[in-house]
PDB file of N, CA and C in Angstrom:
ATOM      1  N   UNK A   1       0.970  -1.069  -0.102  1.00  0.00           N
ATOM      2  CA  UNK A   1       0.018   0.048   0.209  1.00  0.00           C
ATOM      3  C   UNK A   1       0.882   1.222   0.142  1.00  0.00           C
ATOM      4  N   UNK A   2       1.944   1.194   0.787  1.00  0.00           N
ATOM      5  CA  UNK A   2       2.860   2.137   0.971  1.00  0.00           C
ATOM      6  C   UNK A   2       3.044   3.025  -0.393  1.00  0.00           C
ATOM      7  N   UNK A   3       3.377   1.996  -1.514  1.00  0.00           N
ATOM      8  CA  UNK A   3       3.807   2.471  -2.800  1.00  0.00           C
ATOM      9  C   UNK A   3       3.177   3.273  -3.551  1.00  0.00           C
ATOM     10  N   UNK A   4       1.462   2.941  -3.200  1.00  0.00           N
ATOM     11  CA  UNK A   4       0.315   3.589  -4.141  1.00  0.00           C
ATOM     12  C   UNK A   4       0.135   5.220  -3.331  1.00  0.00           C
ATOM     13  N   UNK A   5       0.567   5.435  -2.142  1.00  0.00           N
ATOM     14  CA  UNK A   5       0.367   6.573  -1.225  1.00  0.00           C
ATOM     15  C   UNK A   5       0.754   7.963  -2.042  1.00  0.00           C
ATOM     16  N   UNK A   6       1.871   8.206  -2.250  1.00  0.00           N
ATOM     17  CA  UNK A   6       2.424   8.790  -3.061  1.00  0.00           C
ATOM     18  C   UNK A   6       1.798   9.676  -4.157  1.00  0.00           C
ATOM     19  N   UNK A   7       1.020   8.258  -5.025  1.00  0.00           N
ATOM     20  CA  UNK A   7       0.545   8.735  -6.283  1.00  0.00           C
ATOM     21  C   UNK A   7      -0.634   9.218  -5.974  1.00  0.00           C
ATOM     22  N   UNK A   8      -1.479   8.516  -5.016  1.00  0.00           N
ATOM     23  CA  UNK A   8      -2.539   8.980  -4.539  1.00  0.00           C
ATOM     24  C   UNK A   8      -2.663  10.562  -4.051  1.00  0.00           C
ATOM     25  N   UNK A   9      -1.514  10.830  -3.368  1.00  0.00           N
ATOM     26  CA  UNK A   9      -1.733  12.064  -3.026  1.00  0.00           C
ATOM     27  C   UNK A   9      -1.356  13.115  -3.567  1.00  0.00           C
ATOM     28  N   UNK A  10      -0.569  12.362  -4.817  1.00  0.00           N
ATOM     29  CA  UNK A  10       0.008  13.507  -5.804  1.00  0.00           C
ATOM     30  C   UNK A  10      -1.195  13.767  -6.888  1.00  0.00           C
ATOM     31  N   UNK A  11      -1.933  12.739  -6.928  1.00  0.00           N
ATOM     32  CA  UNK A  11      -3.331  13.187  -7.999  1.00  0.00           C
ATOM     33  C   UNK A  11      -3.945  14.144  -6.916  1.00  0.00           C
ATOM     34  N   UNK A  12      -4.498  13.616  -5.589  1.00  0.00           N
ATOM     35  CA  UNK A  12      -5.271  14.494  -5.029  1.00  0.00           C
ATOM     36  C   UNK A  12      -4.949  16.000  -5.230  1.00  0.00           C
ATOM     37  N   UNK A  13      -3.139  16.163  -4.768  1.00  0.00           N
ATOM     38  CA  UNK A  13      -2.933  17.470  -4.607  1.00  0.00           C
ATOM     39  C   UNK A  13      -2.893  18.295  -6.331  1.00  0.00           C
ATOM     40  N   UNK A  14      -2.721  17.670  -7.363  1.00  0.00           N
ATOM     41  CA  UNK A  14      -2.749  18.259  -8.857  1.00  0.00           C
ATOM     42  C   UNK A  14      -4.398  18.385  -8.774  1.00  0.00           C
ATOM     43  N   UNK A  15      -5.510  17.696  -8.573  1.00  0.00           N
ATOM     44  CA  UNK A  15      -6.515  17.919  -8.788  1.00  0.00           C
ATOM     45  C   UNK A  15      -7.124  19.040  -7.837  1.00  0.00           C
ATOM     46  N   UNK A  16      -6.342  19.313  -6.508  1.00  0.00           N
ATOM     47  CA  UNK A  16      -6.789  20.455  -5.860  1.00  0.00           C
ATOM     48  C   UNK A  16      -6.462  21.755  -6.108  1.00  0.00           C
ATOM     49  N   UNK A  17      -5.147  21.443  -6.567  1.00  0.00           N
ATOM     50  CA  UNK A  17      -4.723  22.884  -7.577  1.00  0.00           C
ATOM     51  C   UNK A  17      -5.510  23.623  -8.653  1.00  0.00           C
ATOM     52  N   UNK A  18      -6.112  22.583  -9.310  1.00  0.00           N
ATOM     53  CA  UNK A  18      -6.753  22.767 -10.232  1.00  0.00           C
ATOM     54  C   UNK A  18      -8.102  22.952  -9.895  1.00  0.00           C
ATOM     55  N   UNK A  19      -8.915  22.621  -8.652  1.00  0.00           N
ATOM     56  CA  UNK A  19     -10.038  22.906  -8.363  1.00  0.00           C
ATOM     57  C   UNK A  19      -9.849  24.441  -8.033  1.00  0.00           C
ATOM     58  N   UNK A  20      -8.615  24.861  -7.058  1.00  0.00           N
ATOM     59  CA  UNK A  20      -8.212  26.155  -6.546  1.00  0.00           C
ATOM     60  C   UNK A  20      -8.143  27.119  -7.717  1.00  0.00           C
ATOM     61  N   UNK A  21      -7.503  26.832  -8.471  1.00  0.00           N
ATOM     62  CA  UNK A  21      -7.161  27.525  -9.837  1.00  0.00           C
ATOM     63  C   UNK A  21      -8.568  27.870 -10.642  1.00  0.00           C
ATOM     64  N   UNK A  22      -9.422  26.897 -10.808  1.00  0.00           N
ATOM     65  CA  UNK A  22     -10.546  27.012 -11.425  1.00  0.00           C
ATOM     66  C   UNK A  22     -11.544  27.979 -10.539  1.00  0.00           C
ATOM     67  N   UNK A  23     -11.779  27.422  -9.167  1.00  0.00           N
ATOM     68  CA  UNK A  23     -12.454  28.563  -8.519  1.00  0.00           C
ATOM     69  C   UNK A  23     -11.980  30.167  -8.065  1.00  0.00           C
ATOM     70  N   UNK A  24     -10.712  30.000  -8.488  1.00  0.00           N
ATOM     71  CA  UNK A  24     -10.501  31.576  -8.260  1.00  0.00           C
ATOM     72  C   UNK A  24     -10.735  32.324  -9.809  1.00  0.00           C
ATOM     73  N   UNK A  25     -10.725  31.560 -10.570  1.00  0.00           N
ATOM     74  CA  UNK A  25     -11.202  32.113 -11.988  1.00  0.00           C
ATOM     75  C   UNK A  25     -12.604  32.339 -12.248  1.00  0.00           C
ATOM     76  N   UNK A  26     -13.365  31.274 -11.583  1.00  0.00           N
ATOM     77  CA  UNK A  26     -14.646  31.526 -11.652  1.00  0.00           C
ATOM     78  C   UNK A  26     -15.078  32.779 -10.537  1.00  0.00           C
ATOM     79  N   UNK A  27     -14.666  32.575  -9.591  1.00  0.00           N
ATOM     80  CA  UNK A  27     -14.744  34.082  -8.573  1.00  0.00           C
ATOM     81  C   UNK A  27     -14.417  35.246  -9.196  1.00  0.00           C
ATOM     82  N   UNK A  28     -13.236  35.288 -10.161  1.00  0.00           N
ATOM     83  CA  UNK A  28     -12.689  36.428 -10.752  1.00  0.00           C
ATOM     84  C   UNK A  28     -14.007  37.052 -11.820  1.00  0.00           C
ATOM     85  N   UNK A  29     -14.298  35.912 -12.628  1.00  0.00           N
ATOM     86  CA  UNK A  29     -15.623  36.382 -13.768  1.00  0.00           C
ATOM     87  C   UNK A  29     -16.706  36.532 -12.863  1.00  0.00           C
ATOM     88  N   UNK A  30     -17.331  35.934 -11.675  1.00  0.00           N
ATOM     89  CA  UNK A  30     -18.477  36.371 -10.979  1.00  0.00           C
ATOM     90  C   UNK A  30     -18.485  37.835 -10.721  1.00  0.00           C
ATOM     91  N   UNK A  31     -16.970  38.279 -10.022  1.00  0.00           N
ATOM     92  CA  UNK A  31     -16.980  39.751  -9.762  1.00  0.00           C
ATOM     93  C   UNK A  31     -17.073  40.382 -10.862  1.00  0.00           C
ATOM     94  N   UNK A  32     -16.423  40.293 -12.111  1.00  0.00           N
ATOM     95  CA  UNK A  32     -16.352  40.753 -13.298  1.00  0.00           C
ATOM     96  C   UNK A  32     -17.594  41.048 -13.908  1.00  0.00           C
ATOM     97  N   UNK A  33     -18.617  40.199 -13.920  1.00  0.00           N
ATOM     98  CA  UNK A  33     -20.046  40.429 -14.088  1.00  0.00           C
ATOM     99  C   UNK A  33     -20.829  41.413 -13.326  1.00  0.00           C
ATOM    100  N   UNK A  34     -20.451  40.840 -11.745  1.00  0.00           N
ATOM    101  CA  UNK A  34     -20.909  41.934 -11.110  1.00  0.00           C
ATOM    102  C   UNK A  34     -21.109  43.403 -11.070  1.00  0.00           C
ATOM    103  N   UNK A  35     -19.615  43.526 -11.409  1.00  0.00           N
ATOM    104  CA  UNK A  35     -19.237  44.852 -11.501  1.00  0.00           C
ATOM    105  C   UNK A  35     -19.801  45.384 -12.959  1.00  0.00           C
ATOM    106  N   UNK A  36     -19.838  44.738 -13.903  1.00  0.00           N
ATOM    107  CA  UNK A  36     -20.592  45.120 -14.935  1.00  0.00           C
ATOM    108  C   UNK A  36     -21.941  45.404 -15.143  1.00  0.00           C
ATOM    109  N   UNK A  37     -22.330  44.636 -14.289  1.00  0.00           N
ATOM    110  CA  UNK A  37     -24.005  44.670 -14.050  1.00  0.00           C
ATOM    111  C   UNK A  37     -24.283  46.039 -13.267  1.00  0.00           C
ATOM    112  N   UNK A  38     -23.532  46.141 -12.178  1.00  0.00           N
ATOM    113  CA  UNK A  38     -23.426  47.659 -11.121  1.00  0.00           C
ATOM    114  C   UNK A  38     -23.206  48.771 -12.257  1.00  0.00           C
ATOM    115  N   UNK A  39     -22.140  48.510 -13.011  1.00  0.00           N
ATOM    116  CA  UNK A  39     -21.884  49.795 -13.838  1.00  0.00           C
ATOM    117  C   UNK A  39     -22.918  50.159 -14.869  1.00  0.00           C
ATOM    118  N   UNK A  40     -23.507  49.073 -15.596  1.00  0.00           N
ATOM    119  CA  UNK A  40     -24.622  49.207 -16.135  1.00  0.00           C
ATOM    120  C   UNK A  40     -26.033  50.124 -15.433  1.00  0.00           C
ATOM    121  N   UNK A  41     -26.197  49.142 -14.118  1.00  0.00           N
ATOM    122  CA  UNK A  41     -27.364  49.937 -13.685  1.00  0.00           C
ATOM    123  C   UNK A  41     -26.893  51.565 -13.462  1.00  0.00           C
ATOM    124  N   UNK A  42     -25.943  51.830 -13.086  1.00  0.00           N
ATOM    125  CA  UNK A  42     -25.590  53.004 -12.721  1.00  0.00           C
ATOM    126  C   UNK A  42     -25.469  54.142 -14.146  1.00  0.00           C
ATOM    127  N   UNK A  43     -24.873  53.556 -15.226  1.00  0.00           N
ATOM    128  CA  UNK A  43     -25.647  54.173 -16.635  1.00  0.00           C
ATOM    129  C   UNK A  43     -26.923  54.558 -16.561  1.00  0.00           C
ATOM    130  N   UNK A  44     -27.863  53.356 -16.511  1.00  0.00           N
ATOM    131  CA  UNK A  44     -29.146  53.631 -16.731  1.00  0.00           C
ATOM    132  C   UNK A  44     -29.625  54.595 -15.623  1.00  0.00           C
ATOM    133  N   UNK A  45     -29.258  54.699 -14.518  1.00  0.00           N
ATOM    134  CA  UNK A  45     -29.872  55.380 -13.580  1.00  0.00           C
ATOM    135  C   UNK A  45     -29.498  56.846 -13.881  1.00  0.00           C
ATOM    136  N   UNK A  46     -28.494  57.053 -14.285  1.00  0.00           N
ATOM    137  CA  UNK A  46     -27.726  58.490 -15.028  1.00  0.00           C
ATOM    138  C   UNK A  46     -28.623  59.177 -15.918  1.00  0.00           C
ATOM    139  N   UNK A  47     -28.867  58.364 -16.841  1.00  0.00           N
ATOM    140  CA  UNK A  47     -29.490  58.647 -18.278  1.00  0.00           C
ATOM    141  C   UNK A  47     -31.315  58.757 -17.760  1.00  0.00           C
ATOM    142  N   UNK A  48     -31.678  58.443 -16.841  1.00  0.00           N
ATOM    143  CA  UNK A  48     -33.330  58.896 -16.465  1.00  0.00           C
ATOM    144  C   UNK A  48     -32.972  59.963 -15.662  1.00  0.00           C
TER     145      UNK A  48
END
């Protein structure tokens, strides 16, 4: 079993890093879209 542990850990760590990076990019995209919505709302309010 000990031979398999490093491989399992490596796979787990690799997938964790991918999940973290994906999560960060997802959060960044969400924040960007929220800022876009707020900016659009401000523009609409200024027009009225």
